[in-house]
Protein backbone atom coordinates (compact mmCIF):
# COMPACT_ATOMS: atom_id res chain seq x y z
CA MET A 1 -47.98 25.52 92.48
CA ALA A 2 -44.54 27.28 92.37
CA THR A 3 -43.42 29.41 95.37
CA GLU A 4 -42.35 33.11 95.20
CA GLN A 5 -38.69 32.22 95.67
CA GLU A 6 -38.85 29.72 92.87
CA LEU A 7 -40.45 32.32 90.59
CA ASP A 8 -37.66 34.80 91.40
CA LYS A 9 -35.12 32.26 90.30
CA ILE A 10 -36.75 31.57 86.96
CA ASN A 11 -37.73 35.27 86.26
CA PRO A 12 -35.30 36.43 83.54
CA LEU A 13 -35.99 40.20 84.12
CA LYS A 14 -35.02 40.04 87.75
CA LYS A 15 -31.85 38.19 86.96
CA GLU A 16 -30.91 40.85 84.45
CA PHE A 17 -31.58 43.69 86.94
CA GLN A 18 -29.55 41.95 89.64
CA SER A 19 -26.58 41.51 87.33
CA LEU A 20 -26.71 45.17 86.24
CA LEU A 21 -26.87 46.30 89.90
CA ASP A 22 -23.94 44.13 90.93
CA GLU A 23 -21.92 45.41 87.98
CA ASP A 24 -22.67 49.02 88.98
CA PHE A 25 -21.62 48.56 92.65
CA LYS A 26 -18.51 46.71 91.50
CA ASP A 27 -17.07 50.02 90.20
CA ARG A 28 -18.00 51.91 93.40
CA LYS A 29 -15.10 51.75 95.88
CA LEU A 30 -16.40 53.07 99.22
CA LYS A 31 -14.35 52.88 102.43
CA GLU A 32 -15.52 53.78 105.89
CA ASN A 33 -13.88 56.63 107.90
CA GLU A 34 -12.88 58.53 104.76
CA ILE A 35 -14.05 61.67 102.96
CA ILE A 36 -15.99 60.96 99.78
CA LYS A 37 -17.72 63.02 97.11
CA ALA A 38 -21.51 63.31 97.12
CA THR A 39 -24.06 65.05 94.89
CA VAL A 40 -27.08 66.92 96.28
CA THR A 41 -30.29 65.36 94.94
CA GLU A 42 -32.89 66.99 97.18
CA ILE A 43 -33.14 69.81 99.73
CA THR A 44 -35.90 69.36 102.34
CA LYS A 45 -36.88 71.31 105.43
CA ASN A 46 -34.80 69.18 107.81
CA PHE A 47 -32.39 67.20 105.61
CA ILE A 48 -30.09 67.45 102.62
CA VAL A 49 -30.38 64.30 100.49
CA VAL A 50 -27.19 63.31 98.62
CA ASP A 51 -26.13 60.55 96.26
CA CYS A 52 -22.92 58.87 97.44
CA LYS A 53 -23.01 56.10 94.81
CA ALA A 54 -24.05 53.68 97.50
CA LYS A 55 -26.99 51.28 97.58
CA MET A 56 -29.16 54.08 98.84
CA GLU A 57 -29.10 57.88 99.19
CA GLY A 58 -27.74 59.54 102.35
CA MET A 59 -29.52 62.10 104.51
CA ILE A 60 -27.60 64.85 106.36
CA PRO A 61 -29.25 67.15 108.98
CA ILE A 62 -29.63 70.64 107.60
CA GLU A 63 -27.96 72.12 110.74
CA GLU A 64 -24.59 70.87 109.47
CA PHE A 65 -24.80 73.32 106.52
CA LYS A 66 -25.57 76.50 108.43
CA ASN A 67 -21.91 77.38 109.14
CA ASP A 68 -20.16 79.83 106.79
CA ASP A 69 -23.46 80.48 104.90
CA GLU A 70 -23.03 77.24 102.95
CA LEU A 71 -26.76 76.51 102.95
CA SER A 72 -27.61 79.63 100.93
CA LYS A 73 -25.18 78.57 98.19
CA LEU A 74 -26.36 74.95 98.09
CA LYS A 75 -28.54 73.70 95.16
CA ILE A 76 -29.57 70.49 93.43
CA GLY A 77 -26.59 68.96 91.70
CA SER A 78 -23.97 70.62 93.94
CA ALA A 79 -20.99 68.42 94.70
CA ILE A 80 -19.92 68.35 98.37
CA ASP A 81 -17.48 66.43 100.55
CA VAL A 82 -18.97 64.17 103.21
CA TYR A 83 -17.45 61.87 105.82
CA LEU A 84 -18.46 58.20 105.46
CA GLU A 85 -18.89 56.72 108.92
CA ARG A 86 -20.67 53.45 107.96
CA ILE A 87 -21.67 52.00 104.57
CA GLU A 88 -24.66 50.30 106.14
CA SER A 89 -26.10 50.74 109.62
CA PHE A 90 -28.22 48.23 111.51
CA LYS A 91 -31.20 49.85 109.78
CA GLY A 92 -29.61 49.31 106.40
CA GLU A 93 -28.92 53.05 105.92
CA ILE A 94 -25.67 54.77 104.94
CA VAL A 95 -24.25 57.02 107.74
CA ILE A 96 -22.51 60.21 106.50
CA SER A 97 -21.65 63.65 107.96
CA ARG A 98 -20.92 66.99 106.33
CA ASP A 99 -19.74 68.51 109.62
CA LYS A 100 -17.13 65.81 110.26
CA ALA A 101 -15.88 66.06 106.68
CA ARG A 102 -15.43 69.78 107.07
CA LYS A 103 -13.56 69.33 110.39
CA MET A 104 -11.29 66.59 109.05
CA LYS A 105 -10.50 68.68 106.01
CA ALA A 106 -9.87 71.70 108.22
CA TRP A 107 -7.61 69.66 110.54
CA LYS A 108 -5.43 68.53 107.61
CA LYS A 109 -5.33 72.10 106.40
CA MET A 110 -4.47 73.27 109.92
CA GLU A 111 -1.54 70.85 110.15
CA LYS A 112 -0.18 72.17 106.88
CA PHE A 113 -0.60 75.81 107.86
CA PHE A 114 0.90 75.15 111.31
CA GLU A 115 4.11 73.99 109.66
CA THR A 116 4.25 76.93 107.26
CA GLN A 117 2.86 79.47 109.80
CA GLU A 118 0.57 80.93 107.16
CA GLU A 119 -2.36 83.09 108.11
CA LEU A 120 -5.86 81.61 108.40
CA VAL A 121 -9.34 83.15 108.48
CA ALA A 122 -11.25 82.47 111.70
CA TYR A 123 -14.56 83.49 113.28
CA ILE A 124 -14.68 84.19 117.03
CA THR A 125 -17.95 82.49 117.95
CA GLY A 126 -17.94 82.35 121.74
CA LYS A 127 -16.17 83.04 125.03
CA ILE A 128 -14.93 80.36 127.46
CA LYS A 129 -12.76 80.30 130.57
CA GLY A 130 -9.35 81.76 129.78
CA GLY A 131 -10.12 82.75 126.20
CA PHE A 132 -12.38 82.38 123.17
CA ILE A 133 -13.63 79.84 120.61
CA ALA A 134 -12.34 80.66 117.12
CA THR A 135 -13.77 78.54 114.28
CA VAL A 136 -11.50 77.89 111.29
CA ASP A 137 -13.32 76.13 108.38
CA GLY A 138 -15.71 74.54 110.86
CA LEU A 139 -12.91 73.45 113.23
CA PRO A 140 -13.32 75.00 116.70
CA CYS A 141 -9.97 76.30 118.04
CA PHE A 142 -8.94 77.92 121.31
CA MET A 143 -7.67 81.49 121.40
CA PRO A 144 -6.26 82.60 124.82
CA SER A 145 -7.37 86.04 126.05
CA SER A 146 -3.78 87.30 125.81
CA GLN A 147 -3.64 86.40 122.09
CA ILE A 148 -6.62 88.39 120.84
CA ASP A 149 -4.72 91.70 120.56
CA VAL A 150 -1.30 93.26 121.18
CA ARG A 151 -2.72 95.03 124.24
CA PRO A 152 -5.53 94.09 126.65
CA LEU A 153 -9.05 94.83 125.37
CA LYS A 154 -11.96 95.68 127.65
CA ARG A 155 -14.55 94.77 125.03
CA ILE A 156 -14.36 92.48 121.98
CA ASP A 157 -17.89 92.85 120.60
CA HIS A 158 -16.52 94.28 117.35
CA LEU A 159 -14.54 91.07 116.76
CA MET A 160 -17.34 88.55 117.36
CA ASN A 161 -18.56 86.53 114.30
CA VAL A 162 -16.49 88.53 111.83
CA PRO A 163 -13.56 87.16 109.81
CA VAL A 164 -10.19 87.74 111.54
CA LYS A 165 -6.73 86.55 110.55
CA VAL A 166 -4.98 84.14 112.90
CA ILE A 167 -1.92 81.88 113.07
CA ALA A 168 -1.91 78.36 114.51
CA THR A 169 0.47 78.41 117.50
CA ARG A 170 -0.07 74.90 118.92
CA ILE A 171 -1.58 71.59 117.76
CA ASP A 172 -2.27 68.59 119.98
CA LYS A 173 -3.07 65.71 117.61
CA ASN A 174 -3.87 63.22 120.37
CA ARG A 175 -6.48 65.45 121.99
CA GLY A 176 -7.58 67.18 118.81
CA ASN A 177 -6.87 70.64 120.25
CA VAL A 178 -5.66 73.67 118.30
CA CYS A 179 -4.52 77.05 119.69
CA VAL A 180 -4.57 80.12 117.45
CA SER A 181 -3.39 83.72 117.88
CA ARG A 182 -4.61 86.96 116.36
CA ARG A 183 -1.94 88.87 118.26
CA ALA A 184 0.83 87.07 116.36
CA VAL A 185 -0.63 88.31 113.05
CA LEU A 186 -0.84 91.89 114.33
CA GLU A 187 2.73 91.80 115.69
CA LYS A 188 3.98 90.30 112.45
CA SER A 189 2.37 93.09 110.48
CA LYS A 190 3.62 95.71 112.91
CA ASN A 191 7.15 94.32 112.86
CA ALA A 192 7.15 94.52 109.09
CA GLU A 193 6.19 98.19 109.30
CA ILE A 194 8.87 98.80 111.95
CA ILE A 195 11.57 97.07 109.90
CA GLU A 196 10.68 99.28 106.94
CA ALA A 197 10.73 102.41 109.12
CA LEU A 198 14.05 101.44 110.75
CA LYS A 199 15.72 101.66 107.35
CA ASN A 200 15.48 105.44 107.65
CA ILE A 201 17.25 105.75 111.03
CA LYS A 202 20.49 104.43 112.51
CA GLU A 203 22.45 104.59 115.78
CA GLY A 204 24.00 108.00 116.39
CA ASP A 205 21.33 109.95 114.49
CA ILE A 206 19.99 113.12 116.10
CA VAL A 207 16.22 113.51 115.82
CA GLU A 208 15.02 117.09 116.14
CA GLU A 209 11.33 116.34 116.74
CA ALA A 210 10.60 113.17 118.70
CA ILE A 211 7.01 113.27 119.98
CA VAL A 212 6.18 112.21 123.56
CA LYS A 213 3.50 109.47 123.43
CA ALA A 214 3.40 108.29 127.07
CA THR A 215 5.27 108.63 130.37
CA THR A 216 5.98 106.16 133.16
CA ASP A 217 7.98 106.27 136.37
CA TRP A 218 10.91 104.64 134.60
CA GLY A 219 10.92 106.42 131.25
CA ILE A 220 9.21 108.10 128.28
CA PHE A 221 7.82 106.52 125.08
CA LEU A 222 8.51 108.54 121.94
CA ASP A 223 7.40 108.49 118.32
CA VAL A 224 10.58 108.74 116.24
CA ASN A 225 9.66 108.94 112.54
CA GLY A 226 6.83 106.44 113.05
CA VAL A 227 8.84 104.09 115.28
CA ASP A 228 8.21 103.65 118.99
CA ALA A 229 11.33 104.48 121.01
CA LEU A 230 12.15 104.47 124.73
CA LEU A 231 13.84 107.32 126.55
CA HIS A 232 14.85 105.82 129.90
CA VAL A 233 14.73 108.01 133.00
CA SER A 234 18.51 107.61 133.41
CA ASP A 235 19.02 109.14 129.93
CA LEU A 236 16.95 112.25 130.61
CA SER A 237 19.58 114.15 132.55
CA HIS A 238 23.03 113.80 134.10
CA GLY A 239 21.36 114.54 137.41
CA ARG A 240 18.71 112.61 139.32
CA VAL A 241 15.16 112.77 137.91
CA LYS A 242 12.35 111.94 140.32
CA LYS A 243 9.51 111.66 137.79
CA PRO A 244 9.75 112.00 133.97
CA SER A 245 6.24 113.48 133.97
CA ASP A 246 7.65 116.47 135.90
CA LEU A 247 9.83 117.35 132.89
CA VAL A 248 7.67 116.55 129.83
CA THR A 249 4.03 116.45 128.71
CA ILE A 250 2.16 114.28 126.19
CA GLY A 251 2.61 115.63 122.65
CA GLN A 252 5.75 117.61 123.50
CA LYS A 253 8.60 117.52 120.97
CA LEU A 254 12.10 116.62 122.16
CA LYS A 255 15.51 116.64 120.58
CA VAL A 256 17.08 113.22 121.15
CA LYS A 257 19.96 111.05 120.01
CA ILE A 258 19.46 107.44 118.86
CA THR A 259 21.77 105.46 121.17
CA LYS A 260 20.81 101.85 120.38
CA ILE A 261 18.77 99.78 117.90
CA ASP A 262 18.32 96.12 118.83
CA PRO A 263 18.19 94.11 115.56
CA LYS A 264 16.51 91.13 117.28
CA THR A 265 13.67 92.96 119.05
CA ASN A 266 13.66 96.13 116.86
CA ARG A 267 13.67 98.22 120.03
CA VAL A 268 15.01 101.76 119.78
CA SER A 269 16.63 103.59 122.71
CA CYS A 270 17.11 107.37 122.84
CA SER A 271 18.94 109.83 125.06
CA VAL A 272 18.70 113.52 125.87
CA LYS A 273 21.72 113.71 128.15
CA ALA A 274 23.94 112.39 125.32
CA LEU A 275 23.44 115.81 123.68
CA ILE A 276 24.58 117.64 126.82
CA GLU A 277 28.15 117.95 128.07
CA ASP A 278 28.82 115.74 131.10
CA PRO A 279 29.16 118.03 134.15
CA TYR A 280 31.29 115.37 135.86
CA SER A 281 34.10 115.81 133.28
CA ASN A 282 35.48 118.93 135.04
CA LEU A 283 34.19 118.11 138.50
CA GLU A 284 37.59 117.89 140.23
CA LYS A 285 38.47 121.40 139.09
CA LYS A 286 35.33 122.87 140.67
CA TYR A 287 35.11 120.89 143.91
CA LYS A 288 37.76 119.52 146.27
CA VAL A 289 37.60 116.75 148.85
CA GLY A 290 37.59 118.12 152.41
CA GLU A 291 36.09 121.51 151.47
CA ILE A 292 32.68 122.76 152.65
CA TYR A 293 30.01 123.84 150.13
CA GLU A 294 26.27 124.60 150.02
CA GLY A 295 23.50 122.64 148.31
CA ILE A 296 19.78 121.79 148.34
CA VAL A 297 18.31 118.51 149.62
CA THR A 298 16.44 116.88 146.69
CA LYS A 299 15.49 113.45 147.99
CA ILE A 300 15.33 111.64 151.33
CA MET A 301 15.72 107.85 151.42
CA ASP A 302 15.95 105.32 154.26
CA TYR A 303 19.73 105.12 153.80
CA GLY A 304 20.49 108.83 153.43
CA CYS A 305 19.82 112.13 151.64
CA PHE A 306 20.63 113.34 148.12
CA VAL A 307 21.87 116.90 147.76
CA ARG A 308 22.03 118.92 144.53
CA ILE A 309 25.42 120.56 144.32
CA GLU A 310 24.64 122.16 140.95
CA ASP A 311 22.45 121.34 137.93
CA GLY A 312 23.16 117.75 136.91
CA ILE A 313 25.39 116.98 139.91
CA GLU A 314 24.18 115.37 143.13
CA GLY A 315 25.88 113.83 146.13
CA LEU A 316 24.76 111.44 148.87
CA ILE A 317 24.87 112.02 152.61
CA HIS A 318 24.78 108.57 154.18
CA ASN A 319 22.98 107.98 157.49
CA SER A 320 26.31 107.62 159.27
CA GLU A 321 27.29 111.14 158.15
CA LEU A 322 24.18 112.92 159.42
CA ASP A 323 24.61 112.93 163.20
CA TRP A 324 27.51 112.45 165.63
CA THR A 325 25.43 110.82 168.33
CA ASN A 326 23.41 108.31 166.26
CA ARG A 327 24.94 106.57 163.24
CA ASN A 328 21.62 104.98 162.18
CA ILE A 329 19.34 107.95 162.66
CA LYS A 330 16.34 108.39 160.36
CA PRO A 331 17.30 111.05 157.73
CA SER A 332 13.89 112.73 157.84
CA LYS A 333 14.50 113.63 161.49
CA ILE A 334 17.56 115.69 160.54
CA LEU A 335 16.87 117.15 157.08
CA SER A 336 13.91 117.89 154.80
CA VAL A 337 13.44 118.21 151.02
CA SER A 338 14.28 121.67 149.55
CA GLN A 339 16.33 122.56 152.65
CA ASN A 340 19.50 124.56 151.93
CA ILE A 341 22.41 123.04 153.88
CA LYS A 342 26.17 123.11 154.21
CA PHE A 343 28.11 119.92 153.62
CA LYS A 344 31.65 118.63 153.39
CA ILE A 345 32.85 116.57 150.40
CA VAL A 346 34.23 113.26 151.69
CA ASN A 347 34.95 111.45 148.41
CA ILE A 348 34.58 111.92 144.63
CA ASP A 349 34.39 108.84 142.40
CA LYS A 350 34.55 110.27 138.90
CA ASP A 351 34.23 106.93 137.08
CA SER A 352 31.01 105.84 138.81
CA LYS A 353 29.82 109.47 139.16
CA ARG A 354 29.33 109.22 142.90
CA ILE A 355 30.02 111.94 145.42
CA SER A 356 29.99 111.19 149.15
CA LEU A 357 29.07 114.07 151.46
CA SER A 358 29.01 114.67 155.20
CA TYR A 359 26.57 116.88 157.06
CA LYS A 360 27.85 116.22 160.56
CA ALA A 361 31.34 117.35 159.54
CA THR A 362 29.98 120.92 159.38
CA LEU A 363 28.77 120.65 162.98
CA GLY A 364 30.77 120.55 166.22
CA ASN A 365 32.13 117.10 167.09
CA PRO A 366 31.00 116.29 170.65
CA TRP A 367 33.38 113.30 170.78
CA GLU A 368 36.38 115.61 170.72
CA LYS A 369 35.00 117.60 173.63
CA ILE A 370 33.98 114.59 175.70
CA LYS A 371 37.48 113.06 175.54
CA GLU A 372 38.63 115.91 177.77
CA LYS A 373 36.15 114.74 180.42
CA ILE A 374 37.69 111.28 180.95
CA GLY A 375 38.15 110.78 184.71
CA GLN A 376 35.78 113.62 185.57
CA GLU A 377 32.35 113.65 187.18
CA VAL A 378 29.37 114.25 184.85
CA LYS A 379 25.57 114.06 184.92
CA ILE A 380 23.61 111.56 182.84
CA LYS A 381 19.90 111.06 182.22
CA ILE A 382 18.88 107.38 182.34
CA ASN A 383 17.38 106.27 179.01
CA ASN A 384 17.09 102.56 179.69
CA VAL A 385 17.73 100.00 182.43
CA THR A 386 18.56 96.50 181.08
CA ASP A 387 19.33 93.19 182.77
CA LYS A 388 23.01 94.03 183.28
CA ALA A 389 23.53 97.74 182.71
CA ILE A 390 22.16 101.28 182.68
CA PHE A 391 22.28 103.38 179.50
CA GLY A 392 22.28 107.11 180.01
CA GLU A 393 22.70 110.27 177.93
CA LEU A 394 25.17 112.98 178.87
CA THR A 395 22.99 115.99 179.52
CA GLU A 396 25.50 118.48 178.10
CA TYR A 397 26.69 116.59 175.00
CA GLY A 398 23.81 114.35 173.88
CA LEU A 399 26.03 111.26 173.77
CA THR A 400 24.96 107.94 175.29
CA GLY A 401 27.12 105.67 177.45
CA MET A 402 26.86 102.55 179.58
CA LEU A 403 27.01 102.08 183.35
CA HIS A 404 27.58 98.37 184.04
CA TYR A 405 26.08 96.95 187.22
CA LYS A 406 29.60 96.13 188.52
CA GLU A 407 30.43 99.85 188.30
CA ILE A 408 27.50 100.90 190.52
CA SER A 409 29.13 99.78 193.77
CA TYR A 410 32.16 97.79 194.91
CA ASP A 411 29.84 95.03 196.09
CA GLU A 412 29.19 94.30 192.38
CA ASN A 413 25.63 93.31 193.18
CA ILE A 414 23.31 93.02 190.16
CA GLU A 415 20.35 93.88 192.41
CA ASP A 416 21.65 97.48 192.53
CA LEU A 417 20.06 98.03 189.08
CA LYS A 418 16.62 98.01 190.73
CA LYS A 419 17.46 101.21 192.60
CA PHE A 420 17.40 103.28 189.38
CA LYS A 421 14.55 104.37 187.09
CA LYS A 422 14.18 105.76 183.59
CA ASN A 423 14.61 109.57 183.16
CA GLU A 424 16.39 109.79 186.53
CA ILE A 425 19.48 112.06 186.55
CA ILE A 426 22.55 110.68 188.38
CA ASN A 427 26.19 111.62 188.81
CA VAL A 428 28.82 109.29 187.32
CA LYS A 429 32.46 109.32 186.30
CA ILE A 430 33.68 108.78 182.72
CA ILE A 431 36.25 105.97 182.93
CA GLU A 432 36.73 105.04 179.26
CA ILE A 433 35.95 106.20 175.68
CA LYS A 434 36.73 103.65 172.98
CA ASP A 435 35.34 103.20 169.44
CA ASP A 436 32.66 105.85 170.06
CA LYS A 437 31.53 104.00 173.19
CA ILE A 438 31.49 105.57 176.64
CA ARG A 439 31.80 103.68 179.92
CA PHE A 440 30.64 105.22 183.20
CA SER A 441 31.33 104.37 186.81
CA LYS A 442 29.39 105.45 189.88
CA ARG A 443 31.37 103.63 192.52
CA GLU A 444 34.57 105.53 191.71
CA LEU A 445 32.88 108.72 192.96
CA ASP A 446 32.57 107.16 196.45
CA GLY A 447 36.36 106.86 196.96
CA ASN A 448 36.09 103.79 199.24
CA ASP A 449 37.74 101.34 196.87
CA PRO A 450 38.58 98.09 198.75
CA LEU A 451 41.63 97.71 196.49
CA ASN A 452 43.18 100.70 198.26
CA TRP A 453 44.06 98.16 201.00
CA PHE A 454 47.07 97.08 198.92
CA LYS A 455 48.34 100.65 198.66
CA GLU A 456 47.70 101.39 202.32
CA ASN A 457 49.49 98.19 203.43
CA LYS A 458 52.18 98.53 200.77
CA LYS A 459 51.49 95.11 199.34
CA LYS A 460 52.54 94.16 195.86
CA SER A 461 52.70 91.12 193.59
CA GLY A 462 54.97 88.42 195.08
CA ASP A 463 54.17 89.26 198.74
CA VAL A 464 52.67 86.70 201.11
CA ILE A 465 49.62 87.86 203.05
CA THR A 466 47.45 86.30 205.75
CA THR A 467 43.79 85.85 204.81
CA ARG A 468 40.70 84.42 206.50
CA ILE A 469 38.59 81.70 204.89
CA HIS A 470 35.19 83.25 204.06
CA GLU A 471 33.46 80.38 202.22
CA VAL A 472 34.35 76.83 201.17
CA LEU A 473 33.44 75.84 197.62
CA LYS A 474 33.74 72.59 195.66
CA THR A 475 36.24 74.20 193.31
CA GLY A 476 38.22 76.12 195.93
CA VAL A 477 37.77 78.60 198.78
CA LYS A 478 36.84 82.27 199.09
CA VAL A 479 39.09 84.28 201.40
CA ALA A 480 38.74 87.75 202.91
CA ILE A 481 41.84 89.90 202.64
CA ASP A 482 40.66 92.82 204.82
CA LYS A 483 38.99 92.76 208.23
CA GLU A 484 35.76 94.37 206.90
CA LYS A 485 35.46 91.49 204.39
CA LYS A 486 34.92 93.86 201.46
CA LEU A 487 37.83 92.37 199.56
CA ILE A 488 36.92 88.76 198.76
CA VAL A 489 39.11 86.64 196.44
CA THR A 490 38.64 83.05 195.27
CA ILE A 491 41.60 80.65 195.50
CA LYS A 492 41.21 77.75 193.08
CA LYS A 493 41.62 74.14 194.19
CA VAL A 494 44.92 73.71 192.31
CA ASP A 495 46.41 76.62 194.30
CA LEU A 496 45.34 75.43 197.78
CA ALA A 497 48.43 73.27 198.53
CA LYS A 498 51.61 71.91 197.00
CA GLU A 499 50.55 68.32 197.57
CA SER A 500 47.31 67.33 195.79
CA ALA A 501 46.18 65.34 198.86
CA ASP A 502 46.26 68.53 200.94
CA ALA A 503 44.47 70.62 198.26
CA ARG A 504 41.00 69.32 199.02
CA PRO A 505 38.60 72.20 199.85
CA GLU A 506 36.75 70.11 202.47
CA VAL A 507 39.80 70.10 204.81
CA PHE A 508 39.43 73.90 205.20
CA SER A 509 36.95 75.63 207.51
CA PRO A 510 35.50 79.18 207.45
CA GLY A 511 37.31 81.55 209.79
CA ASN A 512 40.70 79.76 209.60
CA ALA A 513 43.76 81.80 208.74
CA LEU A 514 45.46 81.00 205.44
CA ASP A 515 48.75 82.38 204.15
CA ALA A 516 48.77 82.98 200.40
CA LYS A 517 51.11 84.58 197.90
CA ILE A 518 49.94 87.39 195.60
CA THR A 519 50.70 85.95 192.15
CA GLU A 520 48.83 88.63 190.18
CA LEU A 521 47.84 92.18 191.14
CA ASP A 522 46.37 94.45 188.43
CA LEU A 523 44.63 97.33 190.23
CA LYS A 524 43.63 99.04 186.97
CA ASN A 525 41.74 96.02 185.63
CA ARG A 526 40.84 94.88 189.18
CA LYS A 527 42.45 91.45 188.88
CA ILE A 528 43.81 89.67 191.98
CA LYS A 529 45.14 86.15 192.13
CA LEU A 530 46.31 84.36 195.32
CA SER A 531 48.05 80.99 195.74
CA VAL A 532 48.69 79.00 198.93
CA LYS A 533 50.71 76.54 196.87
CA ALA A 534 53.09 79.27 195.69
CA ALA A 535 53.54 80.48 199.31
CA GLN A 536 54.46 76.95 200.45
CA ILE A 537 56.94 76.51 197.62
CA ASP A 538 58.61 79.84 198.43
CA GLU A 539 58.75 78.92 202.14
CA GLU A 540 60.31 75.55 201.38
CA LYS A 541 62.91 77.14 199.13
CA SER A 542 63.73 79.61 201.87
CA LEU A 543 64.29 76.86 204.45
CA ILE A 544 66.40 74.82 202.09
CA ALA A 545 68.55 77.83 201.34
CA LYS A 546 68.93 78.51 205.09
CA PHE A 547 69.70 74.98 206.32
CA GLY A 548 71.91 73.69 203.56
CA GLU A 549 71.86 71.86 200.28
CA GLY A 550 71.56 68.46 202.03
CA ALA A 551 67.91 69.27 202.54
CA THR A 552 67.36 68.98 198.82
CA LYS A 553 68.46 65.34 198.60
CA SER A 554 66.05 62.62 197.62
CA GLY A 555 63.76 61.61 200.47
CA ALA A 556 64.18 64.84 202.43
CA THR A 557 60.97 66.34 203.78
CA LEU A 558 60.04 69.60 205.45
CA LYS A 559 59.57 67.72 208.76
CA GLY A 560 63.08 66.23 208.49
CA ILE A 561 64.58 69.60 207.78
CA PHE A 562 62.91 71.07 210.87
CA GLU A 563 64.00 68.15 213.09
CA LYS A 564 67.58 68.41 211.85
CA ALA A 565 67.60 72.12 212.46
CA ILE A 566 66.14 71.77 215.99
CA GLY A 567 68.52 68.90 216.84
CA GLY A 568 71.57 70.89 215.74
CA LYS A 569 70.58 73.76 218.02
CA LYS A 570 70.25 71.37 221.06
CA LYS A 571 73.75 69.96 220.53
CA LYS A 572 75.26 73.43 220.49
CA LYS A 573 73.55 74.28 223.79
CA GLU A 574 74.80 71.03 225.47
CA GLU A 575 78.37 71.68 224.34
CA LYS A 576 78.20 75.08 225.94
């Protein structure tokens, strides 16, 4: 009995069908991962059945046809594009996708429109972090929040799931990401309107009725014949304007001059002050440097005060020109806004339109009066006691000076600072005024200056005096010039003796007498310099001059000179 396989081989009808089928598929050229044409053959509840000219019909989930209302337009016989993923799966079925075909087609379209920057129709379907999902022909794209409108929107409900025009701004082929912008379309349209409107105006035109649209701290936005224009705060007036909103209101009409039109940005700038004569043009004829005038304080800053001299003209009083006693005083402590004051014009810079004023120049200068008090006794109130000095204010003049700890007493003891307290009033003497700085002295009021010893004993520079060693140091010795030991001077090691071997401090003892020469005596600056070495040199020169030039020969010593002198005297006595 013949088997089923053997019957198939000898069955002529089956052979004919097989040959017809092979011939039919021979003309069908299907390639995977490409978009192909398909015809709808059946529409079911869950699937759309299509004929792709493959061995069997394909089935596509009905959800892939719900975008863009495609399902309502679909009918039997409709031709659609589908994406062929696999000709035959492991189940023997063809794998196709309408959604992927739509996205691939949209991606190719997006690449083309990205290059040409043509407008596309998108549907904003959802919100994500940083922006929105905008679907273009089934391709989900990203629209940043800043690109949905020309200005920030609080709500976008009216834009959801409705067709909006966008432009592709960025495409990342590797990641499959696309960024779109609705704002670019709006700006493009607006720019076109502005360019058309700008044809009717030009720089230098005077607009009689420019409408105020908005005000800010730095300027005013105007509507000039349908074009947005900026009137900067500096172009409102020749004078200083604190707030533009103080001068204009929304809807007010202004007469302005078109000063600039930027062809790149289409920005228009206007000016009101360009229509008004510059008050600075004849300024030098009205006001002179060095003269005193009156004005009103308009603004107080950290660095000074602005004063209105007349409408449109203001000057600045710097901090340093407010008060004689304090160059860095806070302006609000001296003047207040709307105060009427007198001032002196210090400088006029016509080119930069700056006028420098002085308030303190209209007041009495205490520095001129205090200079007459140099060398006189005054009272000061202690403001502060620091590590090395006392700062006090002259009670009559309001000026502050310094009393250094060395000027408290002739002992020059830094511990004397502890004897004084803040707000205490003491008597001092003004000893110097230089560069607006005052130096006081308290010890000069006592009159017991140890340096008077030189005047009383008629000693001057070049004299040799006898001192007593007070203290031995490693670098020299301290000697007392007077008996009371109030006048102590340090003699350095190099000045202790002519010979370096004799100049060692350790060979000296406290209480020993020591002759030294006054090499420097400046009583005004209190500088005294003594030298034992200089005294020895002078003494040696004196002996040499007295006992002959032979004493200056090589090898001669002070001892030899003395012996020769003593021996000569003995011979004279014996001869007698």
